[in-house]
Every structure is written in structure tokens, then in C-alpha cells.
N, C-alpha and C. Protein backbone atom coordinates (compact mmCIF):
# COMPACT_ATOMS: atom_id res chain seq x y z
N MET A 1 167.38 -66.74 82.99
CA MET A 1 166.13 -66.73 83.55
C MET A 1 165.45 -67.65 82.30
N ASN A 2 164.12 -68.33 82.52
CA ASN A 2 163.65 -69.06 82.04
C ASN A 2 162.43 -68.66 81.56
N LYS A 3 161.78 -68.24 80.60
CA LYS A 3 160.55 -68.14 79.63
C LYS A 3 159.58 -69.12 79.71
N LEU A 4 158.44 -69.39 80.20
CA LEU A 4 157.29 -70.15 79.83
C LEU A 4 157.01 -70.02 78.02
N SER A 5 156.08 -71.01 77.99
CA SER A 5 155.84 -71.08 76.68
C SER A 5 154.39 -70.15 76.62
N LEU A 6 154.08 -69.69 75.18
CA LEU A 6 152.49 -69.35 75.21
C LEU A 6 151.45 -70.47 75.40
N GLU A 7 151.55 -71.33 75.65
CA GLU A 7 150.65 -72.33 75.68
C GLU A 7 150.65 -72.76 77.31
N GLN A 8 152.22 -72.49 77.85
CA GLN A 8 151.86 -72.74 79.55
C GLN A 8 151.18 -71.44 79.84
N TRP A 9 151.60 -70.19 79.20
CA TRP A 9 150.84 -69.08 79.64
C TRP A 9 149.05 -69.28 79.79
N LYS A 10 149.43 -69.63 78.39
CA LYS A 10 147.36 -69.71 78.59
C LYS A 10 146.97 -70.58 79.75
N ASN A 11 147.56 -72.21 80.04
CA ASN A 11 147.02 -72.35 80.88
C ASN A 11 146.75 -71.58 82.26
N ILE A 12 148.13 -70.96 82.52
CA ILE A 12 148.17 -70.38 83.73
C ILE A 12 146.77 -69.25 83.53
N PHE A 13 147.24 -68.35 82.76
CA PHE A 13 146.01 -66.98 82.74
C PHE A 13 144.22 -68.15 83.24
N ARG A 14 144.13 -69.47 82.49
CA ARG A 14 143.05 -69.93 82.80
C ARG A 14 142.50 -70.31 83.76
N ASN A 15 144.06 -71.12 84.64
CA ASN A 15 143.62 -71.47 86.20
C ASN A 15 143.53 -70.36 87.10
N VAL A 16 144.20 -69.40 86.89
CA VAL A 16 143.73 -68.07 87.85
C VAL A 16 142.76 -67.49 87.82
N ALA A 17 142.36 -67.73 86.33
CA ALA A 17 140.61 -67.06 86.36
C ALA A 17 139.95 -67.62 87.07
N GLU A 18 140.04 -69.15 86.60
CA GLU A 18 139.11 -70.18 87.24
C GLU A 18 139.21 -69.78 88.87
N TYR A 19 139.99 -70.15 89.68
CA TYR A 19 140.42 -69.61 90.79
C TYR A 19 140.03 -68.11 91.50
N ASN A 20 140.24 -67.65 90.62
CA ASN A 20 139.54 -65.95 90.98
C ASN A 20 138.26 -66.01 91.08
N GLU A 21 137.42 -67.09 90.07
CA GLU A 21 136.13 -67.03 90.23
C GLU A 21 136.00 -67.61 91.38
N ASP A 22 136.58 -68.85 91.87
CA ASP A 22 136.20 -69.78 93.36
C ASP A 22 136.22 -68.50 94.60
N LEU A 23 136.96 -67.73 94.55
CA LEU A 23 137.19 -66.68 95.40
C LEU A 23 135.95 -65.70 95.47
N LYS A 24 135.66 -65.11 94.26
CA LYS A 24 134.52 -64.44 94.39
C LYS A 24 133.39 -65.06 94.77
N LYS A 25 133.31 -66.13 94.82
CA LYS A 25 132.22 -66.83 94.73
C LYS A 25 131.96 -67.18 96.70
N GLU A 26 132.82 -66.99 96.86
CA GLU A 26 133.46 -67.26 98.47
C GLU A 26 133.55 -65.94 98.99
N GLY A 27 133.19 -64.77 98.52
CA GLY A 27 133.22 -63.53 99.04
C GLY A 27 134.99 -63.18 99.02
N LEU A 28 135.63 -63.36 98.42
CA LEU A 28 137.04 -63.08 98.49
C LEU A 28 137.83 -62.73 97.71
N GLU A 29 138.82 -61.83 98.08
CA GLU A 29 139.42 -60.78 96.80
C GLU A 29 140.02 -61.61 95.71
N GLU A 30 140.13 -61.30 94.93
CA GLU A 30 140.80 -62.08 93.72
C GLU A 30 142.26 -61.66 93.84
N GLU A 31 143.27 -62.70 93.25
CA GLU A 31 144.27 -62.72 93.33
C GLU A 31 145.26 -62.28 91.52
N PRO A 32 145.49 -61.25 91.70
CA PRO A 32 145.92 -60.99 90.65
C PRO A 32 147.57 -61.55 89.75
N ILE A 33 147.61 -61.92 88.76
CA ILE A 33 148.66 -61.82 88.04
C ILE A 33 149.76 -60.24 87.82
N GLU A 34 150.93 -60.50 88.89
CA GLU A 34 151.45 -59.24 89.21
C GLU A 34 153.44 -59.16 88.55
N VAL A 35 153.45 -57.85 88.97
CA VAL A 35 154.70 -58.43 88.81
C VAL A 35 155.61 -57.57 90.49
N ILE A 36 156.64 -58.42 91.09
CA ILE A 36 156.80 -57.79 92.58
C ILE A 36 158.58 -58.43 92.54
N TRP A 37 158.86 -57.35 93.41
CA TRP A 37 160.36 -57.58 93.69
C TRP A 37 161.01 -58.81 94.82
N LEU A 38 161.63 -59.32 94.08
CA LEU A 38 162.13 -60.62 94.87
C LEU A 38 163.44 -60.08 95.72
N GLU A 39 163.23 -60.03 96.93
CA GLU A 39 164.41 -60.87 97.54
C GLU A 39 165.42 -62.15 98.23
N ASN A 40 166.40 -62.32 97.28
CA ASN A 40 166.84 -63.57 97.81
C ASN A 40 168.13 -63.47 98.25
N PRO A 41 168.70 -63.66 99.50
CA PRO A 41 170.21 -63.28 99.70
C PRO A 41 170.95 -64.50 99.60
N GLU A 42 170.49 -65.67 98.68
CA GLU A 42 171.01 -66.88 98.28
C GLU A 42 171.54 -66.18 96.71
N ARG A 43 170.30 -65.38 96.12
CA ARG A 43 170.75 -65.26 94.56
C ARG A 43 170.86 -63.50 94.60
N ARG A 44 170.99 -63.11 93.26
CA ARG A 44 170.92 -61.84 93.06
C ARG A 44 169.23 -61.40 93.53
N ASN A 45 168.76 -59.87 93.54
CA ASN A 45 167.76 -59.67 93.92
C ASN A 45 166.95 -59.34 92.36
N GLU A 46 165.93 -60.17 92.48
CA GLU A 46 165.19 -59.53 91.32
C GLU A 46 163.95 -59.13 90.54
N TRP A 47 163.03 -59.32 90.07
CA TRP A 47 161.64 -58.86 89.78
C TRP A 47 161.42 -60.27 89.05
N ALA A 48 159.96 -60.56 89.00
CA ALA A 48 158.94 -61.64 88.71
C ALA A 48 157.73 -61.37 88.56
N ILE A 49 157.05 -62.41 87.73
CA ILE A 49 155.64 -62.63 87.53
C ILE A 49 155.13 -63.56 88.43
N VAL A 50 153.78 -62.82 89.32
CA VAL A 50 153.55 -64.01 90.11
C VAL A 50 151.96 -63.65 90.28
N SER A 51 151.56 -64.98 91.24
CA SER A 51 150.06 -64.93 91.56
C SER A 51 150.27 -65.60 92.85
N ASP A 52 149.54 -64.76 94.04
CA ASP A 52 149.82 -65.04 95.11
C ASP A 52 151.03 -65.77 95.79
N CYS A 53 151.15 -66.93 95.84
CA CYS A 53 152.14 -67.26 96.10
C CYS A 53 153.34 -68.22 95.18
N GLU A 54 152.71 -68.27 93.91
CA GLU A 54 153.12 -68.80 92.68
C GLU A 54 153.96 -68.32 91.76
N ILE A 55 154.96 -68.24 91.83
CA ILE A 55 156.12 -67.61 90.93
C ILE A 55 156.17 -68.50 89.64
N PHE A 56 155.91 -67.31 88.20
CA PHE A 56 155.83 -68.03 86.74
C PHE A 56 156.94 -67.91 86.15
N GLU A 57 157.60 -66.78 86.25
CA GLU A 57 158.76 -66.35 85.75
C GLU A 57 159.40 -65.48 86.45
N GLU A 58 161.35 -65.75 87.01
CA GLU A 58 161.59 -64.69 87.90
C GLU A 58 162.87 -64.54 86.82
N GLY A 59 163.64 -63.72 87.46
CA GLY A 59 164.81 -63.31 86.88
C GLY A 59 164.76 -61.82 86.21
N PHE A 60 163.78 -61.01 86.20
CA PHE A 60 164.04 -59.79 85.49
C PHE A 60 165.14 -59.06 85.91
N ALA A 61 165.69 -58.28 85.42
CA ALA A 61 166.68 -56.98 85.78
C ALA A 61 166.36 -55.78 86.32
N THR A 62 164.68 -55.40 85.55
CA THR A 62 164.05 -54.41 86.28
C THR A 62 162.67 -54.44 85.94
N GLU A 63 162.34 -53.73 86.84
CA GLU A 63 160.69 -54.07 86.68
C GLU A 63 160.05 -53.56 85.60
N GLN A 64 160.53 -52.63 84.83
CA GLN A 64 160.40 -52.35 83.47
C GLN A 64 160.08 -53.63 82.45
N GLU A 65 161.27 -54.19 82.58
CA GLU A 65 161.14 -55.73 81.48
C GLU A 65 160.42 -56.59 82.33
N ALA A 66 159.94 -56.62 83.62
CA ALA A 66 158.96 -57.92 83.93
C ALA A 66 157.56 -57.46 83.63
N GLU A 67 157.16 -56.14 83.36
CA GLU A 67 156.02 -55.32 83.32
C GLU A 67 155.76 -55.45 81.67
N GLU A 68 156.58 -55.21 80.64
CA GLU A 68 156.59 -55.68 79.48
C GLU A 68 156.37 -57.05 79.23
N ARG A 69 157.19 -58.17 79.56
CA ARG A 69 156.65 -59.49 79.31
C ARG A 69 155.20 -59.54 79.28
N LEU A 70 154.85 -58.89 81.03
CA LEU A 70 153.22 -59.50 81.17
C LEU A 70 152.44 -58.37 80.24
N THR A 71 152.87 -57.50 80.20
CA THR A 71 151.93 -56.85 78.76
C THR A 71 151.86 -57.43 77.90
N TYR A 72 152.89 -58.12 77.14
CA TYR A 72 153.26 -59.23 75.96
C TYR A 72 152.09 -59.76 76.26
N LEU A 73 152.03 -60.80 77.13
CA LEU A 73 151.57 -61.82 77.65
C LEU A 73 150.15 -61.69 77.75
N GLU A 74 149.39 -60.29 78.44
CA GLU A 74 148.00 -60.24 78.30
C GLU A 74 147.61 -59.96 77.19
N LYS A 75 148.27 -59.09 76.32
CA LYS A 75 147.72 -58.80 74.86
C LYS A 75 147.80 -59.78 74.06
N THR A 76 148.73 -60.80 73.99
CA THR A 76 148.84 -61.91 73.07
C THR A 76 147.37 -62.75 73.25
N ILE A 77 147.92 -63.26 74.55
CA ILE A 77 147.04 -64.31 75.30
C ILE A 77 145.61 -64.17 75.42
N LEU A 78 145.23 -62.70 76.49
CA LEU A 78 143.98 -62.30 76.56
C LEU A 78 142.94 -61.32 75.94
N GLY A 79 144.16 -60.96 74.83
CA GLY A 79 143.43 -59.57 73.53
C GLY A 79 143.70 -58.26 74.53
N GLY A 80 144.41 -58.13 75.30
CA GLY A 80 144.90 -56.85 75.82
C GLY A 80 144.24 -56.21 77.04
N GLU A 81 143.23 -57.68 77.84
CA GLU A 81 142.56 -56.95 78.75
C GLU A 81 143.05 -56.82 80.10
């Protein structure tokens, strides 16, 4: 699993926030950054951190591991929002 740097995550959070603002202006539902299960027949199944159809980090063995990573990033970058 390749983890992105905090600087890359700062850009991701900023870009997703800007994208969500545009969606809100159009009356559409926001796209959260979330943890999902990836089922991949060519590789092992795994958990990932995603938003909409963009995969940011993948390869987590458990949902808890992915959730802990996302929580850490939110607290570190967004101050726990």
C-alpha cells in the first residue's frame, strides 16, 4: 500500500471541498471522502479511501485500518472536522 503525503492530502481535502461547493450550488448532493470495500478479482479484496469514483489510498486489510487512517488525516489536516 502506498500512502500519500500530508501535503497531497491537504490538496485532496481542498479540492473535494471546492468540488462539493460547486455541487451544492447546483443543488446536488455532496461527495464525501469515505472508506469502501473494493472487490477486485485480479488482486486481493481490500478496503480503500475514496471520494466519488476517485481512489486515493487502497490496500487496507481491514475496514478499521482504513477508518483509522482517514480519521488521522481529518484530525491532522482539518482539525477534527
